[in-house]
């Protein structure tokens, strides 16, 4: 069970980090729309994924299959973003926090390992 204060941190931090990274991307790549638009679409997909599968209240949110789909999609999107622009490695902090907090043992190890690969 996650403590209420950590639940708040896990809810706010991914959006905060994603917002800072989007601002940084726009600042550095303004005018290079062939690079910016796909990156922004991937960021929107990450934000929407977290919102729909983790933050919106629904009964099946903690079902193992939903957690597996969420983590797989989040790690895959994170990897694609890191391959596009290395500064998205900072987004893996949020992915690590989800891997530690919602993935049950022993599946936590592959989730953390895959996130480490995306970060690297």
N, C-alpha and C. Protein backbone atom coordinates (compact mmCIF):
# COMPACT_ATOMS: atom_id res chain seq x y z
N UNK A 1 0.83 -1.18 0.00
CA UNK A 1 0.00 0.00 0.00
C UNK A 1 0.88 1.25 0.00
N UNK A 2 0.56 2.18 -0.84
CA UNK A 2 1.32 3.41 -0.96
C UNK A 2 0.75 4.46 0.00
N UNK A 3 1.64 5.12 0.73
CA UNK A 3 1.21 6.17 1.65
C UNK A 3 0.60 7.33 0.86
N UNK A 4 -0.35 8.05 1.46
CA UNK A 4 -1.02 9.15 0.74
C UNK A 4 -0.06 10.23 0.22
N UNK A 5 0.97 10.57 0.99
CA UNK A 5 1.88 11.61 0.51
C UNK A 5 2.68 11.14 -0.70
N UNK A 6 3.05 9.85 -0.73
CA UNK A 6 3.76 9.33 -1.89
C UNK A 6 2.83 9.19 -3.08
N UNK A 7 1.57 8.92 -2.82
CA UNK A 7 0.59 8.86 -3.91
C UNK A 7 0.52 10.23 -4.60
N UNK A 8 0.56 11.30 -3.81
CA UNK A 8 0.54 12.65 -4.38
C UNK A 8 1.80 12.90 -5.22
N UNK A 9 2.94 12.50 -4.70
CA UNK A 9 4.21 12.67 -5.44
C UNK A 9 4.15 11.88 -6.74
N UNK A 10 3.67 10.64 -6.70
CA UNK A 10 3.59 9.81 -7.90
C UNK A 10 2.57 10.34 -8.90
N UNK A 11 1.60 11.09 -8.42
CA UNK A 11 0.61 11.67 -9.31
C UNK A 11 1.14 12.92 -10.00
N UNK A 12 1.84 13.76 -9.27
CA UNK A 12 2.26 15.07 -9.80
C UNK A 12 3.58 15.00 -10.56
N UNK A 13 4.54 14.26 -10.07
CA UNK A 13 5.89 14.26 -10.62
C UNK A 13 5.97 13.91 -12.11
N UNK A 14 5.31 12.88 -12.59
CA UNK A 14 5.45 12.58 -14.03
C UNK A 14 5.00 13.74 -14.92
N UNK A 15 3.91 14.41 -14.55
CA UNK A 15 3.43 15.53 -15.35
C UNK A 15 4.38 16.72 -15.26
N UNK A 16 4.93 16.95 -14.09
CA UNK A 16 5.88 18.05 -13.90
C UNK A 16 7.13 17.83 -14.74
N UNK A 17 7.70 16.63 -14.66
CA UNK A 17 8.90 16.31 -15.43
C UNK A 17 8.60 16.37 -16.93
N UNK A 18 7.47 15.84 -17.33
CA UNK A 18 7.09 15.86 -18.75
C UNK A 18 6.91 17.29 -19.23
N UNK A 19 6.30 18.14 -18.43
CA UNK A 19 6.12 19.54 -18.80
C UNK A 19 7.43 20.27 -18.96
N UNK A 20 8.36 20.05 -18.05
CA UNK A 20 9.69 20.68 -18.15
C UNK A 20 10.41 20.20 -19.40
N UNK A 21 10.32 18.90 -19.69
CA UNK A 21 10.99 18.36 -20.89
C UNK A 21 10.36 18.87 -22.17
N UNK A 22 9.05 19.04 -22.19
CA UNK A 22 8.38 19.61 -23.37
C UNK A 22 8.83 21.05 -23.57
N UNK A 23 8.88 21.83 -22.49
CA UNK A 23 9.34 23.22 -22.59
C UNK A 23 10.78 23.28 -23.09
N UNK A 24 11.63 22.40 -22.59
CA UNK A 24 13.02 22.35 -23.01
C UNK A 24 13.12 21.99 -24.49
N UNK A 25 12.32 21.03 -24.92
CA UNK A 25 12.31 20.63 -26.33
C UNK A 25 11.88 21.79 -27.22
N UNK A 26 10.82 22.48 -26.82
CA UNK A 26 10.35 23.62 -27.61
C UNK A 26 11.40 24.73 -27.65
N UNK A 27 12.06 24.95 -26.55
CA UNK A 27 13.08 25.99 -26.49
C UNK A 27 14.25 25.69 -27.43
N UNK A 28 14.70 24.45 -27.44
CA UNK A 28 15.86 24.09 -28.24
C UNK A 28 15.55 23.81 -29.70
N UNK A 29 14.35 23.34 -30.00
CA UNK A 29 14.05 22.91 -31.36
C UNK A 29 12.95 23.72 -32.03
N UNK A 30 12.68 24.92 -31.51
CA UNK A 30 11.63 25.74 -32.08
C UNK A 30 11.91 26.00 -33.57
N UNK A 31 10.91 25.76 -34.39
CA UNK A 31 11.05 25.97 -35.83
C UNK A 31 11.44 24.71 -36.59
N UNK A 32 11.95 23.72 -35.92
CA UNK A 32 12.31 22.46 -36.57
C UNK A 32 11.13 21.49 -36.40
N UNK A 33 10.05 21.80 -37.09
CA UNK A 33 8.78 21.11 -36.82
C UNK A 33 8.83 19.63 -37.16
N UNK A 34 9.69 19.20 -38.06
CA UNK A 34 9.81 17.78 -38.37
C UNK A 34 10.33 16.99 -37.16
N UNK A 35 11.07 17.67 -36.28
CA UNK A 35 11.56 17.04 -35.06
C UNK A 35 10.60 17.25 -33.89
N UNK A 36 10.05 18.46 -33.79
CA UNK A 36 9.25 18.83 -32.63
C UNK A 36 7.90 18.11 -32.60
N UNK A 37 7.20 18.07 -33.72
CA UNK A 37 5.84 17.52 -33.72
C UNK A 37 5.80 16.05 -33.29
N UNK A 38 6.64 15.16 -33.85
CA UNK A 38 6.60 13.77 -33.37
C UNK A 38 6.95 13.64 -31.88
N UNK A 39 7.89 14.45 -31.43
CA UNK A 39 8.27 14.41 -30.01
C UNK A 39 7.11 14.85 -29.14
N UNK A 40 6.42 15.91 -29.54
CA UNK A 40 5.27 16.38 -28.77
C UNK A 40 4.13 15.35 -28.77
N UNK A 41 3.96 14.66 -29.89
CA UNK A 41 2.93 13.61 -29.94
C UNK A 41 3.28 12.45 -29.01
N UNK A 42 4.55 12.08 -28.96
CA UNK A 42 4.98 11.03 -28.04
C UNK A 42 4.80 11.47 -26.58
N UNK A 43 5.11 12.73 -26.30
CA UNK A 43 4.91 13.26 -24.94
C UNK A 43 3.43 13.26 -24.57
N UNK A 44 2.59 13.63 -25.52
CA UNK A 44 1.15 13.60 -25.27
C UNK A 44 0.68 12.17 -25.00
N UNK A 45 1.25 11.21 -25.73
CA UNK A 45 0.90 9.80 -25.51
C UNK A 45 1.31 9.35 -24.12
N UNK A 46 2.48 9.78 -23.65
CA UNK A 46 2.93 9.43 -22.29
C UNK A 46 1.98 10.02 -21.25
N UNK A 47 1.67 11.30 -21.41
CA UNK A 47 0.77 11.96 -20.47
C UNK A 47 -0.61 11.33 -20.45
N UNK A 48 -1.13 11.02 -21.62
CA UNK A 48 -2.44 10.38 -21.72
C UNK A 48 -2.43 8.97 -21.12
N UNK A 49 -1.36 8.24 -21.37
CA UNK A 49 -1.22 6.89 -20.80
C UNK A 49 -1.25 6.92 -19.28
N UNK A 50 -0.48 7.84 -18.70
CA UNK A 50 -0.45 7.95 -17.24
C UNK A 50 -1.81 8.39 -16.71
N UNK A 51 -2.42 9.34 -17.37
CA UNK A 51 -3.72 9.83 -16.93
C UNK A 51 -4.78 8.73 -16.95
N UNK A 52 -4.87 8.03 -18.07
CA UNK A 52 -5.94 7.04 -18.24
C UNK A 52 -5.70 5.78 -17.41
N UNK A 53 -4.49 5.25 -17.43
CA UNK A 53 -4.27 3.96 -16.76
C UNK A 53 -3.84 4.07 -15.31
N UNK A 54 -3.42 5.26 -14.84
CA UNK A 54 -2.99 5.35 -13.44
C UNK A 54 -3.76 6.37 -12.61
N UNK A 55 -4.08 7.51 -13.18
CA UNK A 55 -4.63 8.58 -12.35
C UNK A 55 -6.15 8.64 -12.31
N UNK A 56 -6.80 8.26 -13.38
CA UNK A 56 -8.26 8.26 -13.35
C UNK A 56 -8.76 7.09 -12.51
N UNK A 57 -9.74 7.34 -11.65
CA UNK A 57 -10.21 6.25 -10.78
C UNK A 57 -11.11 5.27 -11.53
N UNK A 58 -10.71 4.01 -11.54
CA UNK A 58 -11.54 2.93 -12.04
C UNK A 58 -11.10 1.65 -11.38
N UNK A 59 -12.01 0.71 -11.28
CA UNK A 59 -11.81 -0.49 -10.45
C UNK A 59 -10.67 -1.37 -10.92
N UNK A 60 -10.47 -1.53 -12.18
CA UNK A 60 -9.49 -2.50 -12.71
C UNK A 60 -8.07 -1.92 -12.80
N UNK A 61 -7.85 -0.73 -12.30
CA UNK A 61 -6.56 -0.06 -12.43
C UNK A 61 -5.41 -0.88 -11.83
N UNK A 62 -5.66 -1.59 -10.75
CA UNK A 62 -4.60 -2.35 -10.09
C UNK A 62 -4.57 -3.83 -10.49
N UNK A 63 -5.28 -4.18 -11.54
CA UNK A 63 -5.25 -5.54 -12.06
C UNK A 63 -3.88 -5.80 -12.69
N UNK A 64 -3.29 -6.97 -12.47
CA UNK A 64 -1.94 -7.25 -13.01
C UNK A 64 -1.81 -7.04 -14.52
N UNK A 65 -2.84 -7.37 -15.29
CA UNK A 65 -2.76 -7.18 -16.74
C UNK A 65 -2.71 -5.70 -17.11
N UNK A 66 -3.46 -4.87 -16.40
CA UNK A 66 -3.46 -3.43 -16.66
C UNK A 66 -2.10 -2.84 -16.29
N UNK A 67 -1.55 -3.28 -15.16
CA UNK A 67 -0.23 -2.81 -14.75
C UNK A 67 0.83 -3.22 -15.78
N UNK A 68 0.75 -4.45 -16.28
CA UNK A 68 1.71 -4.93 -17.28
C UNK A 68 1.60 -4.11 -18.57
N UNK A 69 0.39 -3.84 -19.02
CA UNK A 69 0.20 -3.04 -20.23
C UNK A 69 0.73 -1.62 -20.01
N UNK A 70 0.40 -1.05 -18.86
CA UNK A 70 0.85 0.31 -18.54
C UNK A 70 2.37 0.40 -18.54
N UNK A 71 3.02 -0.50 -17.81
CA UNK A 71 4.48 -0.43 -17.70
C UNK A 71 5.17 -0.71 -19.04
N UNK A 72 4.67 -1.67 -19.79
CA UNK A 72 5.26 -1.97 -21.09
C UNK A 72 5.15 -0.77 -22.03
N UNK A 73 3.97 -0.17 -22.09
CA UNK A 73 3.78 0.99 -22.96
C UNK A 73 4.61 2.18 -22.48
N UNK A 74 4.66 2.40 -21.17
CA UNK A 74 5.42 3.53 -20.64
C UNK A 74 6.92 3.37 -20.90
N UNK A 75 7.44 2.18 -20.69
CA UNK A 75 8.87 1.93 -20.95
C UNK A 75 9.17 2.06 -22.44
N UNK A 76 8.28 1.55 -23.30
CA UNK A 76 8.49 1.65 -24.75
C UNK A 76 8.47 3.11 -25.21
N UNK A 77 7.51 3.89 -24.74
CA UNK A 77 7.44 5.30 -25.10
C UNK A 77 8.65 6.06 -24.57
N UNK A 78 9.03 5.72 -23.36
CA UNK A 78 10.21 6.36 -22.76
C UNK A 78 11.46 6.06 -23.58
N UNK A 79 11.62 4.82 -24.00
CA UNK A 79 12.78 4.43 -24.82
C UNK A 79 12.79 5.19 -26.14
N UNK A 80 11.65 5.29 -26.80
CA UNK A 80 11.58 6.01 -28.07
C UNK A 80 11.94 7.48 -27.87
N UNK A 81 11.43 8.09 -26.79
CA UNK A 81 11.75 9.49 -26.51
C UNK A 81 13.24 9.68 -26.23
N UNK A 82 13.84 8.77 -25.47
CA UNK A 82 15.27 8.87 -25.18
C UNK A 82 16.09 8.71 -26.46
N UNK A 83 15.67 7.82 -27.33
CA UNK A 83 16.39 7.65 -28.60
C UNK A 83 16.25 8.88 -29.49
N UNK A 84 15.14 9.59 -29.39
CA UNK A 84 14.95 10.82 -30.17
C UNK A 84 15.81 11.96 -29.60
N UNK A 85 15.70 12.17 -28.29
CA UNK A 85 16.42 13.25 -27.62
C UNK A 85 16.88 12.75 -26.26
N UNK A 86 18.16 12.82 -26.00
CA UNK A 86 18.72 12.22 -24.80
C UNK A 86 18.21 12.83 -23.50
N UNK A 87 17.77 14.09 -23.53
CA UNK A 87 17.30 14.70 -22.28
C UNK A 87 16.03 14.06 -21.75
N UNK A 88 15.36 13.24 -22.54
CA UNK A 88 14.19 12.51 -22.04
C UNK A 88 14.59 11.37 -21.11
N UNK A 89 15.89 11.18 -20.91
CA UNK A 89 16.35 10.25 -19.90
C UNK A 89 15.87 10.66 -18.51
N UNK A 90 15.62 11.95 -18.31
CA UNK A 90 15.09 12.41 -17.03
C UNK A 90 13.68 11.89 -16.77
N UNK A 91 12.96 11.54 -17.82
CA UNK A 91 11.61 10.99 -17.65
C UNK A 91 11.65 9.60 -17.03
N UNK A 92 12.79 8.93 -17.11
CA UNK A 92 12.88 7.60 -16.52
C UNK A 92 12.77 7.64 -15.00
N UNK A 93 12.96 8.81 -14.39
CA UNK A 93 12.74 8.93 -12.95
C UNK A 93 11.29 8.58 -12.62
N UNK A 94 10.37 9.10 -13.41
CA UNK A 94 8.95 8.79 -13.20
C UNK A 94 8.68 7.31 -13.50
N UNK A 95 9.31 6.80 -14.54
CA UNK A 95 9.10 5.38 -14.88
C UNK A 95 9.64 4.47 -13.79
N UNK A 96 10.81 4.81 -13.24
CA UNK A 96 11.34 4.05 -12.11
C UNK A 96 10.38 4.08 -10.92
N UNK A 97 9.82 5.25 -10.64
CA UNK A 97 8.93 5.35 -9.49
C UNK A 97 7.70 4.48 -9.68
N UNK A 98 7.17 4.42 -10.90
CA UNK A 98 6.04 3.52 -11.14
C UNK A 98 6.46 2.06 -11.01
N UNK A 99 7.64 1.73 -11.54
CA UNK A 99 8.11 0.34 -11.47
C UNK A 99 8.26 -0.12 -10.02
N UNK A 100 8.78 0.77 -9.17
CA UNK A 100 8.96 0.41 -7.76
C UNK A 100 7.64 0.38 -6.99
N UNK A 101 6.71 1.23 -7.36
CA UNK A 101 5.52 1.38 -6.52
C UNK A 101 4.32 0.52 -6.93
N UNK A 102 4.16 0.21 -8.21
CA UNK A 102 2.93 -0.51 -8.60
C UNK A 102 3.17 -1.92 -9.10
N UNK A 103 4.40 -2.24 -9.50
CA UNK A 103 4.67 -3.57 -10.05
C UNK A 103 4.98 -4.51 -8.88
N UNK A 104 4.25 -5.63 -8.80
CA UNK A 104 4.50 -6.56 -7.70
C UNK A 104 5.78 -7.37 -7.90
N UNK A 105 6.32 -7.82 -6.78
CA UNK A 105 7.47 -8.71 -6.80
C UNK A 105 7.05 -10.03 -7.39
N UNK A 106 7.78 -10.73 -8.18
CA UNK A 106 9.14 -10.56 -8.70
C UNK A 106 9.18 -9.82 -10.03
N UNK A 107 8.03 -9.36 -10.52
CA UNK A 107 8.00 -8.67 -11.82
C UNK A 107 8.60 -7.27 -11.75
N UNK A 108 8.86 -6.81 -10.54
CA UNK A 108 9.48 -5.50 -10.36
C UNK A 108 10.89 -5.48 -10.97
N UNK A 109 11.61 -6.59 -10.85
CA UNK A 109 12.99 -6.63 -11.37
C UNK A 109 13.06 -6.42 -12.88
N UNK A 110 12.27 -7.13 -13.69
CA UNK A 110 12.32 -6.84 -15.14
C UNK A 110 11.84 -5.43 -15.48
N UNK A 111 10.86 -4.91 -14.74
CA UNK A 111 10.38 -3.55 -15.01
C UNK A 111 11.47 -2.52 -14.74
N UNK A 112 12.16 -2.68 -13.63
CA UNK A 112 13.25 -1.76 -13.30
C UNK A 112 14.41 -1.94 -14.27
N UNK A 113 14.72 -3.18 -14.63
CA UNK A 113 15.79 -3.43 -15.60
C UNK A 113 15.49 -2.83 -16.97
N UNK A 114 14.26 -2.98 -17.45
CA UNK A 114 13.90 -2.40 -18.74
C UNK A 114 13.94 -0.88 -18.70
N UNK A 115 13.53 -0.31 -17.57
CA UNK A 115 13.62 1.14 -17.42
C UNK A 115 15.08 1.59 -17.42
N UNK A 116 15.95 0.83 -16.79
CA UNK A 116 17.38 1.16 -16.79
C UNK A 116 17.95 1.11 -18.21
N UNK A 117 17.50 0.14 -19.00
CA UNK A 117 17.95 0.07 -20.40
C UNK A 117 17.48 1.31 -21.15
N UNK A 118 16.24 1.73 -20.93
CA UNK A 118 15.73 2.94 -21.60
C UNK A 118 16.52 4.16 -21.16
N UNK A 119 16.87 4.22 -19.90
CA UNK A 119 17.64 5.36 -19.38
C UNK A 119 19.05 5.39 -19.96
N UNK A 120 19.61 4.20 -20.16
CA UNK A 120 20.98 4.12 -20.66
C UNK A 120 21.08 4.48 -22.10
